[in-house]
Every structure is written in C-alpha cells, then in structure tokens.
Amino acid sequence: MIPFLLKRIAGGALVLLAIAFVVFSVARLAPGGPFDEERELPKDVRAALETRWHLHDSIPRQFGYFLAGLAKGDLGPSMRSLDWSVNEIVGAALPVSAALAALALAWAVPCGLWIGARAAMKPGGAADSAAAGASLAGVALPSFVVAPVLVMVFAFGLGVLPPGGWGSLRQVVLPALALGLPVCAVVARLARASTRENLEKDYCRTARAKGLSEQDIVLRHALRNGLPSVLNYLGPATAAALTGSFAVEKVFAIPGLGGHFVNAAMSRDFTLLVGVVLVYSAILVTVNIAVDVACAALDPRVREGL
C-alpha cells in the first residue's frame, strides 16, 4: 500500500506543477493588466508598479519567482487588494466554501446511496421509476438554475427559510441543498447500476439460497461491492461541489472563495487568480489520491494495477 500511495503522491505533485505553469502562463499572456482599470497613472509610477511585480520579465522568470515563494508556502500579495496577501484572502474565504461543499456532500452521498439501493431492490417498480426520473432531473438541472428556484419557493413563496447570508444553520439549508442535488442524483444512478450488476452475480444468488433477505443482500454484499464506482466519482464530485459553489455563493450572498475567483479574473489580479486555481487543484488532487487509496483498500487488484 505504501508504494502505491507514494506513486500517487508523486504523480499528483507533477500534475499540480503542470497546472501551476499553464494557469500562470495563460493569466500573464491574457490581454489587459491589473492596472488598466485605474485612473491614468504617471509613467514613472506605472513603471515602478510593473517592476515590483516583475511584469517586464519573461514568463519563465516570473514563474521562477512564483515557485520560489510557493516553496515557502507564500502565494504572494494580491495585486488589487494591496493590504492583503493571497494567503490571507484564501485563508479567510476557503473555510466558507469548504464548509458549504462538505455540508452538501454530507447529505447528498448517503441520500444517493440509499435511493440507488432502494431502486435496485425492485427494478422496474415504482421506486425505481421515481428514482430514475428524479436522478435524471437532478443531473440535467445545474446548481445555478436550482438555487434561484429554491429561493423563490422556500424564501419568497413559503417564507420558511432566509434567501441568503451565512452564519446560521437556517441560512445553510438552501445553498447546501442546491449544491448537493446534482451529486445526489449521480450517486443514486451509480449506486443503482453497480448494485443491480452485483445482484446478478453468483455470490448474491448463493446468499439468496441461504435464506438472506433481499435487503440484507443489497446492503451487506451488492452495494458494498459496488462502492468503488461511487468512490471514483467522489473526486470529481468534490471538485464540482467546490467549483459549482461559485454560482451558489453569488445567489445566496455567501462570502466564499468563488467571489474572489470571479473578481480576480475580471480585474486581472494575476496572483490571486493563480493562487485560487492552485488551491482548488490541490484539493482535487488530494481528494483523488484519497479515493484511489480507498479503492485500493477495498479492491487489492487496484493497487496491483490490474
């Protein structure tokens, strides 16, 4: 298991390095700059600012300065918010986005597994048809469509939940629901398909012959052996929950990292833009490594490369 883990960590580090270089280069080569929207600056002041940020240097040299700071855990100062460093901005906003994504996944994954398992027990029945229709709708409707509908129904229509904000449990319900619905739908479809496939295998037929109930067979055997397909989805699902929170944070006025990412892209705040992308990429790579390790623990063939 240790060589398998080290191999995944080394591969993840190379992926992060490649992502950092591509994003850094694209951000630097994009038209416009962080000072273009300011009022007309004196030439000597503008030249001093560009020298401070090494904007006259080549892309590889600028990237070298960035890597030198990154090696110390420093993402650099924000080009637009001069009193704040990228580390401070990310440190203040990331816990909000991470908490929202965690809450969304915390209800969506167990709920999706339960729906998928129940649907697999009676294929073609009412529960299976309802689950298929609901999961299809959940996959087809993105969070930025679901979020305003939830606000109109539960906040403005019924008046039972607040339309936005962050800080209380009632304010978390709607954004977590909007963000988790697509994940729940996909998990339900994966769990249903993998469980049905395993129910047709010999060991499940043997369990039926021994007198085990269909519920016990599904929960103790078929669903468990179908979990690797769900675990493989959790990496992209975590990324989707984090990146999908951009629109949800805007709709519900949540002070997360998504707003900073949008503002950094619009204002050409290169350091903040690269820092946010790198943080999100690091989270995605870490989650994928954790999923690979979990799958290897469940199925030894994975770590053997079979």
Protein backbone atom coordinates (compact mmCIF):
# COMPACT_ATOMS: atom_id res chain seq x y z
CA MET A 1 0.00 0.00 0.00
CA ILE A 2 2.87 2.42 0.81
CA PRO A 3 4.47 2.24 -2.69
CA PHE A 4 1.02 2.72 -4.21
CA LEU A 5 0.45 5.82 -2.07
CA LEU A 6 3.89 7.29 -2.83
CA LYS A 7 3.36 6.76 -6.54
CA ARG A 8 0.03 8.61 -6.39
CA ILE A 9 1.56 11.47 -4.37
CA ALA A 10 4.43 11.89 -6.85
CA GLY A 11 2.01 11.90 -9.76
CA GLY A 12 -0.19 14.44 -8.00
CA ALA A 13 2.77 16.76 -7.41
CA LEU A 14 3.67 16.69 -11.10
CA VAL A 15 0.06 17.42 -12.05
CA LEU A 16 -0.01 20.44 -9.70
CA LEU A 17 3.25 21.75 -11.14
CA ALA A 18 1.89 21.49 -14.68
CA ILE A 19 -1.38 23.17 -13.69
CA ALA A 20 0.50 26.00 -11.97
CA PHE A 21 2.64 26.68 -15.05
CA VAL A 22 -0.30 26.58 -17.50
CA VAL A 23 -2.54 28.82 -15.39
CA PHE A 24 0.31 31.22 -14.63
CA SER A 25 1.24 31.49 -18.31
CA VAL A 26 -2.33 31.94 -19.52
CA ALA A 27 -3.01 34.58 -16.87
CA ARG A 28 0.11 36.53 -17.82
CA LEU A 29 -0.49 36.26 -21.57
CA ALA A 30 -4.16 37.29 -21.38
CA PRO A 31 -4.91 40.81 -22.70
CA GLY A 32 -5.03 43.58 -20.13
CA GLY A 33 -3.34 44.03 -16.81
CA PRO A 34 -4.16 44.70 -13.15
CA PHE A 35 -3.60 48.45 -13.53
CA ASP A 36 -5.54 49.05 -16.76
CA GLU A 37 -8.77 49.99 -14.98
CA GLU A 38 -7.09 52.50 -12.69
CA ARG A 39 -7.15 56.18 -13.49
CA GLU A 40 -4.29 57.27 -15.75
CA LEU A 41 -1.09 56.75 -13.79
CA PRO A 42 2.12 58.71 -14.28
CA LYS A 43 4.58 56.75 -16.38
CA ASP A 44 7.16 56.53 -13.61
CA VAL A 45 4.55 55.23 -11.12
CA ARG A 46 3.25 52.64 -13.59
CA ALA A 47 6.81 51.55 -14.41
CA ALA A 48 7.59 51.17 -10.71
CA LEU A 49 4.49 49.02 -10.17
CA GLU A 50 5.26 46.80 -13.15
CA THR A 51 8.85 46.43 -11.95
CA ARG A 52 7.65 45.47 -8.49
CA TRP A 53 5.52 42.68 -9.95
CA HIS A 54 8.21 41.63 -12.48
CA LEU A 55 5.79 42.22 -15.35
CA HIS A 56 8.64 43.12 -17.71
CA ASP A 57 10.39 39.80 -17.16
CA SER A 58 9.85 36.71 -19.29
CA ILE A 59 7.15 34.19 -18.35
CA PRO A 60 9.67 31.53 -17.21
CA ARG A 61 11.46 34.06 -14.99
CA GLN A 62 8.18 35.25 -13.49
CA PHE A 63 7.18 31.65 -12.90
CA GLY A 64 10.50 31.08 -11.17
CA TYR A 65 9.76 33.93 -8.75
CA PHE A 66 6.35 32.40 -8.13
CA LEU A 67 7.80 28.94 -7.43
CA ALA A 68 10.36 30.43 -5.05
CA GLY A 69 7.55 31.93 -2.99
CA LEU A 70 5.42 28.80 -3.32
CA ALA A 71 8.24 26.69 -1.90
CA LYS A 72 7.92 28.78 1.26
CA GLY A 73 4.13 28.43 1.27
CA ASP A 74 3.68 32.02 0.09
CA LEU A 75 1.27 32.67 -2.79
CA GLY A 76 2.31 36.30 -2.90
CA PRO A 77 0.45 39.58 -2.31
CA SER A 78 -2.75 40.46 -4.14
CA MET A 79 -2.19 42.92 -6.99
CA ARG A 80 -5.52 44.62 -6.38
CA SER A 81 -6.01 44.33 -2.63
CA LEU A 82 -2.60 45.66 -1.69
CA ASP A 83 -3.18 45.34 2.04
CA TRP A 84 -3.93 41.63 1.74
CA SER A 85 -1.84 38.67 0.70
CA VAL A 86 -3.29 35.82 -1.33
CA ASN A 87 -2.72 33.51 1.65
CA GLU A 88 -4.86 35.77 3.85
CA ILE A 89 -7.66 36.04 1.29
CA VAL A 90 -7.73 32.29 0.68
CA GLY A 91 -7.42 31.55 4.39
CA ALA A 92 -10.48 33.70 5.16
CA ALA A 93 -12.70 32.53 2.30
CA LEU A 94 -11.77 28.88 1.74
CA PRO A 95 -13.26 27.58 5.02
CA VAL A 96 -16.63 29.01 3.98
CA SER A 97 -16.57 27.34 0.56
CA ALA A 98 -15.20 24.11 2.03
CA ALA A 99 -17.88 24.05 4.74
CA LEU A 100 -20.61 24.57 2.15
CA ALA A 101 -19.24 21.80 -0.08
CA ALA A 102 -18.82 19.45 2.90
CA LEU A 103 -22.40 20.03 4.05
CA ALA A 104 -23.67 19.42 0.52
CA LEU A 105 -21.72 16.16 0.20
CA ALA A 106 -22.64 15.08 3.73
CA TRP A 107 -26.32 14.76 2.83
CA ALA A 108 -26.03 14.08 -0.92
CA VAL A 109 -23.80 10.97 -0.81
CA PRO A 110 -25.73 8.95 1.84
CA CYS A 111 -29.04 10.01 0.31
CA GLY A 112 -27.88 8.99 -3.18
CA LEU A 113 -26.67 5.61 -1.90
CA TRP A 114 -29.99 4.97 -0.17
CA ILE A 115 -32.03 5.93 -3.24
CA GLY A 116 -29.85 3.82 -5.53
CA ALA A 117 -30.01 0.79 -3.24
CA ARG A 118 -33.80 1.03 -2.84
CA ALA A 119 -34.26 1.37 -6.59
CA ALA A 120 -32.01 -1.64 -7.27
CA MET A 121 -34.04 -3.91 -4.98
CA LYS A 122 -37.10 -3.76 -7.28
CA PRO A 123 -36.03 -2.90 -10.83
CA GLY A 124 -38.87 -1.56 -12.93
CA GLY A 125 -41.01 -0.85 -9.89
CA ALA A 126 -42.45 2.44 -8.70
CA ALA A 127 -39.42 3.24 -6.55
CA ASP A 128 -37.06 2.51 -9.44
CA SER A 129 -39.04 4.68 -11.88
CA ALA A 130 -39.30 7.55 -9.39
CA ALA A 131 -35.59 7.36 -8.60
CA ALA A 132 -34.69 7.29 -12.30
CA GLY A 133 -36.83 10.35 -13.04
CA ALA A 134 -35.59 12.31 -10.04
CA SER A 135 -31.93 11.50 -10.71
CA LEU A 136 -32.29 12.45 -14.38
CA ALA A 137 -33.76 15.81 -13.37
CA GLY A 138 -31.01 16.30 -10.78
CA VAL A 139 -28.28 15.66 -13.34
CA ALA A 140 -29.88 17.85 -16.01
CA LEU A 141 -30.53 20.89 -13.79
CA PRO A 142 -27.35 22.74 -12.76
CA SER A 143 -26.97 24.42 -9.38
CA PHE A 144 -27.29 27.93 -10.78
CA VAL A 145 -30.78 27.01 -12.02
CA VAL A 146 -31.85 25.12 -8.89
CA ALA A 147 -30.62 27.83 -6.49
CA PRO A 148 -32.95 30.66 -7.68
CA VAL A 149 -35.90 28.24 -7.78
CA LEU A 150 -35.26 27.22 -4.17
CA VAL A 151 -35.06 30.88 -3.15
CA MET A 152 -38.35 31.71 -4.87
CA VAL A 153 -40.17 28.71 -3.38
CA PHE A 154 -38.83 28.45 0.19
CA ALA A 155 -37.75 32.04 0.87
CA PHE A 156 -40.15 34.28 -1.05
CA GLY A 157 -43.03 31.85 -1.54
CA LEU A 158 -43.32 29.92 1.71
CA GLY A 159 -41.11 32.23 3.79
CA VAL A 160 -39.70 29.35 5.86
CA LEU A 161 -36.01 29.91 5.12
CA PRO A 162 -33.85 33.02 4.59
CA PRO A 163 -32.93 33.89 0.99
CA GLY A 164 -29.22 34.29 1.65
CA GLY A 165 -26.40 35.08 4.02
CA TRP A 166 -24.04 32.95 6.07
CA GLY A 167 -23.68 32.27 9.76
CA SER A 168 -26.77 30.41 10.94
CA LEU A 169 -28.00 26.88 10.32
CA ARG A 170 -31.15 28.11 8.58
CA GLN A 171 -29.04 30.10 6.10
CA VAL A 172 -27.07 26.97 5.16
CA VAL A 173 -30.03 24.75 4.24
CA LEU A 174 -30.89 26.15 0.81
CA PRO A 175 -27.34 26.54 -0.57
CA ALA A 176 -26.35 23.06 0.67
CA LEU A 177 -29.48 21.64 -0.93
CA ALA A 178 -28.86 23.40 -4.25
CA LEU A 179 -25.22 22.32 -4.33
CA GLY A 180 -25.86 18.73 -3.31
CA LEU A 181 -28.77 17.84 -5.58
CA PRO A 182 -26.67 17.07 -8.71
CA VAL A 183 -24.25 15.00 -6.61
CA CYS A 184 -27.11 13.06 -5.03
CA ALA A 185 -28.55 12.34 -8.47
CA VAL A 186 -25.30 11.00 -9.91
CA VAL A 187 -24.53 8.90 -6.81
CA ALA A 188 -28.04 7.39 -6.98
CA ARG A 189 -27.56 6.42 -10.63
CA LEU A 190 -24.11 4.92 -9.98
CA ALA A 191 -25.27 3.05 -6.88
CA ARG A 192 -28.33 1.68 -8.65
CA ALA A 193 -26.35 0.46 -11.68
CA SER A 194 -23.49 -1.11 -9.71
CA THR A 195 -25.85 -2.72 -7.19
CA ARG A 196 -28.01 -4.26 -9.93
CA GLU A 197 -24.89 -5.61 -11.62
CA ASN A 198 -23.67 -7.24 -8.41
CA LEU A 199 -27.10 -8.68 -7.59
CA GLU A 200 -26.85 -10.81 -10.74
CA LYS A 201 -23.57 -12.42 -9.65
CA ASP A 202 -23.19 -15.89 -8.18
CA TYR A 203 -22.36 -14.85 -4.61
CA CYS A 204 -25.67 -12.97 -4.36
CA ARG A 205 -27.57 -15.98 -5.73
CA THR A 206 -25.83 -18.09 -3.09
CA ALA A 207 -26.87 -15.62 -0.38
CA ARG A 208 -30.49 -15.89 -1.54
CA ALA A 209 -30.25 -19.67 -1.44
CA LYS A 210 -29.06 -19.42 2.17
CA GLY A 211 -32.23 -17.53 3.05
CA LEU A 212 -30.90 -13.98 3.41
CA SER A 213 -33.44 -11.24 2.76
CA GLU A 214 -33.08 -9.05 -0.33
CA GLN A 215 -32.38 -6.04 1.86
CA ASP A 216 -29.50 -7.80 3.62
CA ILE A 217 -28.06 -8.97 0.30
CA VAL A 218 -28.19 -5.44 -1.11
CA LEU A 219 -26.72 -3.69 1.93
CA ARG A 220 -24.14 -6.28 3.02
CA HIS A 221 -22.96 -7.54 -0.37
CA ALA A 222 -24.13 -5.89 -3.59
CA LEU A 223 -23.96 -2.25 -2.50
CA ARG A 224 -20.64 -2.70 -0.72
CA ASN A 225 -19.01 -4.29 -3.76
CA GLY A 226 -20.43 -1.51 -5.92
CA LEU A 227 -18.92 1.25 -3.79
CA PRO A 228 -15.69 1.64 -5.85
CA SER A 229 -17.66 3.18 -8.72
CA VAL A 230 -19.18 5.69 -6.29
CA LEU A 231 -15.81 6.38 -4.66
CA ASN A 232 -14.26 7.08 -8.05
CA TYR A 233 -16.89 9.74 -8.57
CA LEU A 234 -16.25 11.44 -5.23
CA GLY A 235 -13.09 13.13 -6.53
CA PRO A 236 -14.89 14.95 -9.38
CA ALA A 237 -17.91 15.40 -7.10
CA THR A 238 -15.82 17.26 -4.55
CA ALA A 239 -14.39 19.46 -7.28
CA ALA A 240 -17.88 20.04 -8.63
CA ALA A 241 -19.14 20.98 -5.18
CA LEU A 242 -16.31 23.49 -4.75
CA THR A 243 -16.34 25.00 -8.23
CA GLY A 244 -20.10 24.77 -8.51
CA SER A 245 -20.32 26.85 -5.37
CA PHE A 246 -19.31 29.92 -7.40
CA ALA A 247 -22.85 30.43 -8.70
CA VAL A 248 -24.46 29.25 -5.48
CA GLU A 249 -22.36 31.68 -3.43
CA LYS A 250 -23.43 34.52 -5.70
CA VAL A 251 -27.13 33.64 -5.46
CA PHE A 252 -27.11 33.26 -1.67
CA ALA A 253 -24.56 36.06 -0.98
CA ILE A 254 -22.12 33.68 0.71
CA PRO A 255 -18.63 35.11 1.41
CA GLY A 256 -16.73 32.17 -0.05
CA LEU A 257 -13.78 31.81 -2.40
CA GLY A 258 -15.90 31.78 -5.54
CA GLY A 259 -16.48 35.53 -5.41
CA HIS A 260 -12.76 36.19 -5.10
CA PHE A 261 -12.07 33.96 -8.09
CA VAL A 262 -14.57 35.84 -10.28
CA ASN A 263 -13.30 39.23 -9.13
CA ALA A 264 -9.67 38.21 -9.69
CA ALA A 265 -10.44 37.12 -13.25
CA MET A 266 -12.34 40.33 -14.01
CA SER A 267 -9.72 42.64 -12.52
CA ARG A 268 -6.69 40.70 -13.83
CA ASP A 269 -5.40 40.08 -10.32
CA PHE A 270 -2.88 37.53 -11.55
CA THR A 271 -1.52 36.43 -8.17
CA LEU A 272 -4.94 35.89 -6.61
CA LEU A 273 -6.27 34.13 -9.73
CA VAL A 274 -3.35 31.69 -9.86
CA GLY A 275 -3.48 31.16 -6.11
CA VAL A 276 -7.19 30.29 -6.09
CA VAL A 277 -6.85 27.90 -9.06
CA LEU A 278 -3.85 26.23 -7.44
CA VAL A 279 -5.68 25.78 -4.14
CA TYR A 280 -8.69 24.23 -5.88
CA SER A 281 -6.38 21.98 -7.92
CA ALA A 282 -4.53 20.86 -4.80
CA ILE A 283 -7.84 19.96 -3.15
CA LEU A 284 -8.94 17.99 -6.22
CA VAL A 285 -5.63 16.11 -6.47
CA THR A 286 -5.68 15.33 -2.74
CA VAL A 287 -9.24 14.03 -2.89
CA ASN A 288 -8.43 11.88 -5.94
CA ILE A 289 -5.42 10.39 -4.13
CA ALA A 290 -7.62 9.62 -1.12
CA VAL A 291 -10.21 8.00 -3.39
CA ASP A 292 -7.53 5.90 -5.11
CA VAL A 293 -6.25 4.71 -1.73
CA ALA A 294 -9.80 3.89 -0.57
CA CYS A 295 -10.47 1.93 -3.78
CA ALA A 296 -7.15 0.09 -3.36
CA ALA A 297 -8.12 -0.83 0.19
CA LEU A 298 -11.48 -2.18 -0.99
CA ASP A 299 -10.07 -3.97 -4.04
CA PRO A 300 -6.45 -5.24 -3.96
CA ARG A 301 -6.48 -5.51 -7.77
CA VAL A 302 -6.43 -1.70 -7.98
CA ARG A 303 -3.10 -1.31 -6.18
CA GLU A 304 -1.65 -4.16 -8.23
CA GLY A 305 -2.56 -2.30 -11.41
CA LEU A 306 -4.91 -4.99 -12.69
